[in-house]
Every structure is written in structure tokens, then in C-alpha cells.
Amino acid sequence: MPEAWSDRDERQYEHIKESELSWGEPGERAEEIAARTVNKHRRQEGRTPNTQLSDLTRDELYNRVREKGIRGRSGMSKAELVAALS
């Protein structure tokens, strides 16, 4: 597990891993699924600072713009959201 993960992320990772193992996934595959899922949630919540804005989805950009309180965001395209954050 990466050092940047919070305690909540680690608990979520273990829960997902155990769930995947109970569904019959092999150990390495269960760990991969769990890590990818936790990282996806971290990315969606904007907790991965090294991600380039153009690599984020529109929903992820929208969440970041909303957190900054930028008005008019609901009608913005992905390119406009990137520009608003730049």
C-alpha cells in the first residue's frame, strides 16, 4: 500500500481485497483490484495532486471546480473546466 494513503484508504483496500478473495479471485489479482479501486476514489476526490488536469474526467474536474467555488461550472465543457482551474 502506498504511503500517501490515509487510514481510511487502507481500510477500504483491505475490505475490497477480502471481498475479492471471497469471490474467488487469486491473491495478486485481488490486491490489484483493491489498489486500483482505492486510487480511483482518491482521484475522484481530488486527493492525487500529481495528476495533470487534462488526464482527469469531466466529473473529477467538476468536483475540483466546485470545491474552489467557481460559478457557472454546470454548463462548462471539460476544456472550460481545465481553463477555470489553470
C-alpha atoms as a PDB file:
ATOM      1  CA  MET A   1       0.000   0.000   0.000  1.00  0.00           C
ATOM      2  CA  PRO A   2       1.357   3.441  -0.874  1.00  0.00           C
ATOM      3  CA  GLU A   3       2.495   5.720   1.939  1.00  0.00           C
ATOM      4  CA  ALA A   4       0.192   8.524   0.745  1.00  0.00           C
ATOM      5  CA  TRP A   5      -2.915   6.522   1.646  1.00  0.00           C
ATOM      6  CA  SER A   6      -4.895   7.526   4.708  1.00  0.00           C
ATOM      7  CA  ASP A   7      -6.106   5.059   7.327  1.00  0.00           C
ATOM      8  CA  ARG A   8      -9.493   5.137   5.613  1.00  0.00           C
ATOM      9  CA  ASP A   9      -7.876   4.219   2.290  1.00  0.00           C
ATOM     10  CA  GLU A  10      -6.045   1.305   3.899  1.00  0.00           C
ATOM     11  CA  ARG A  11      -9.254   0.000   5.497  1.00  0.00           C
ATOM     12  CA  GLN A  12     -11.069   0.306   2.178  1.00  0.00           C
ATOM     13  CA  TYR A  13      -8.202  -1.558   0.447  1.00  0.00           C
ATOM     14  CA  GLU A  14      -8.331  -4.431   2.949  1.00  0.00           C
ATOM     15  CA  HIS A  15     -12.118  -4.647   2.725  1.00  0.00           C
ATOM     16  CA  ILE A  16     -12.102  -4.771  -1.079  1.00  0.00           C
ATOM     17  CA  LYS A  17      -9.240  -7.276  -1.123  1.00  0.00           C
ATOM     18  CA  GLU A  18     -11.030  -9.600   1.291  1.00  0.00           C
ATOM     19  CA  SER A  19     -14.224  -9.276  -0.732  1.00  0.00           C
ATOM     20  CA  GLU A  20     -12.442 -10.177  -3.961  1.00  0.00           C
ATOM     21  CA  LEU A  21     -10.741 -13.144  -2.292  1.00  0.00           C
ATOM     22  CA  SER A  22     -14.105 -14.390  -1.041  1.00  0.00           C
ATOM     23  CA  TRP A  23     -15.380 -14.222  -4.645  1.00  0.00           C
ATOM     24  CA  GLY A  24     -12.542 -16.498  -5.696  1.00  0.00           C
ATOM     25  CA  GLU A  25     -10.055 -14.043  -7.200  1.00  0.00           C
ATOM     26  CA  PRO A  26      -6.377 -15.054  -6.860  1.00  0.00           C
ATOM     27  CA  GLY A  27      -4.361 -13.092  -4.277  1.00  0.00           C
ATOM     28  CA  GLU A  28      -2.401 -10.878  -6.668  1.00  0.00           C
ATOM     29  CA  ARG A  29      -5.494 -10.083  -8.711  1.00  0.00           C
ATOM     30  CA  ALA A  30      -7.476  -9.214  -5.559  1.00  0.00           C
ATOM     31  CA  GLU A  31      -4.699  -6.848  -4.442  1.00  0.00           C
ATOM     32  CA  GLU A  32      -4.617  -5.194  -7.877  1.00  0.00           C
ATOM     33  CA  ILE A  33      -8.387  -4.690  -7.943  1.00  0.00           C
ATOM     34  CA  ALA A  34      -8.351  -3.254  -4.420  1.00  0.00           C
ATOM     35  CA  ALA A  35      -5.472  -0.849  -5.155  1.00  0.00           C
ATOM     36  CA  ARG A  36      -6.997   0.352  -8.413  1.00  0.00           C
ATOM     37  CA  THR A  37     -10.358   0.932  -6.724  1.00  0.00           C
ATOM     38  CA  VAL A  38      -8.854   2.929  -3.851  1.00  0.00           C
ATOM     39  CA  ASN A  39      -6.750   5.005  -6.251  1.00  0.00           C
ATOM     40  CA  LYS A  40      -9.808   5.663  -8.413  1.00  0.00           C
ATOM     41  CA  HIS A  41     -11.714   7.009  -5.402  1.00  0.00           C
ATOM     42  CA  ARG A  42      -8.741   9.136  -4.348  1.00  0.00           C
ATOM     43  CA  ARG A  43      -8.515  10.567  -7.878  1.00  0.00           C
ATOM     44  CA  GLN A  44     -12.258  11.325  -7.960  1.00  0.00           C
ATOM     45  CA  GLU A  45     -11.993  13.124  -4.636  1.00  0.00           C
ATOM     46  CA  GLY A  46      -9.034  15.178  -5.874  1.00  0.00           C
ATOM     47  CA  ARG A  47      -6.534  13.655  -3.462  1.00  0.00           C
ATOM     48  CA  THR A  48      -3.916  12.874  -6.115  1.00  0.00           C
ATOM     49  CA  PRO A  49      -2.050  16.163  -6.597  1.00  0.00           C
ATOM     50  CA  ASN A  50       0.365  14.971  -9.307  1.00  0.00           C
ATOM     51  CA  THR A  51      -2.365  14.250 -11.856  1.00  0.00           C
ATOM     52  CA  GLN A  52      -2.451  16.525 -14.898  1.00  0.00           C
ATOM     53  CA  LEU A  53      -5.772  18.294 -15.328  1.00  0.00           C
ATOM     54  CA  SER A  54      -6.178  17.040 -18.896  1.00  0.00           C
ATOM     55  CA  ASP A  55      -5.968  13.431 -17.638  1.00  0.00           C
ATOM     56  CA  LEU A  56      -8.938  13.871 -15.284  1.00  0.00           C
ATOM     57  CA  THR A  57     -12.521  13.093 -16.259  1.00  0.00           C
ATOM     58  CA  ARG A  58     -15.079  15.879 -16.584  1.00  0.00           C
ATOM     59  CA  ASP A  59     -16.692  14.798 -13.298  1.00  0.00           C
ATOM     60  CA  GLU A  60     -13.343  14.933 -11.482  1.00  0.00           C
ATOM     61  CA  LEU A  61     -12.672  18.398 -12.905  1.00  0.00           C
ATOM     62  CA  TYR A  62     -16.194  19.498 -11.978  1.00  0.00           C
ATOM     63  CA  ASN A  63     -15.621  18.407  -8.360  1.00  0.00           C
ATOM     64  CA  ARG A  64     -12.389  20.386  -8.164  1.00  0.00           C
ATOM     65  CA  VAL A  65     -14.058  23.487  -9.632  1.00  0.00           C
ATOM     66  CA  ARG A  66     -16.958  23.111  -7.188  1.00  0.00           C
ATOM     67  CA  GLU A  67     -14.522  22.917  -4.256  1.00  0.00           C
ATOM     68  CA  LYS A  68     -12.963  26.196  -5.385  1.00  0.00           C
ATOM     69  CA  GLY A  69     -16.397  27.820  -5.610  1.00  0.00           C
ATOM     70  CA  ILE A  70     -16.163  28.805  -9.265  1.00  0.00           C
ATOM     71  CA  ARG A  71     -19.557  29.889 -10.595  1.00  0.00           C
ATOM     72  CA  GLY A  72     -21.102  28.776 -13.891  1.00  0.00           C
ATOM     73  CA  ARG A  73     -19.497  25.365 -13.730  1.00  0.00           C
ATOM     74  CA  SER A  74     -22.602  23.340 -14.573  1.00  0.00           C
ATOM     75  CA  GLY A  75     -22.581  24.455 -18.207  1.00  0.00           C
ATOM     76  CA  MET A  76     -18.812  24.180 -18.693  1.00  0.00           C
ATOM     77  CA  SER A  77     -17.204  21.677 -21.017  1.00  0.00           C
ATOM     78  CA  LYS A  78     -14.146  19.678 -19.988  1.00  0.00           C
ATOM     79  CA  ALA A  79     -11.860  22.179 -21.717  1.00  0.00           C
ATOM     80  CA  GLU A  80     -13.571  25.091 -19.952  1.00  0.00           C
ATOM     81  CA  LEU A  81     -13.217  23.338 -16.583  1.00  0.00           C
ATOM     82  CA  VAL A  82      -9.491  22.827 -17.223  1.00  0.00           C
ATOM     83  CA  ALA A  83      -9.157  26.504 -18.142  1.00  0.00           C
ATOM     84  CA  ALA A  84     -11.027  27.569 -14.991  1.00  0.00           C
ATOM     85  CA  LEU A  85      -8.622  25.564 -12.839  1.00  0.00           C
ATOM     86  CA  SER A  86      -5.499  26.822 -14.619  1.00  0.00           C
END
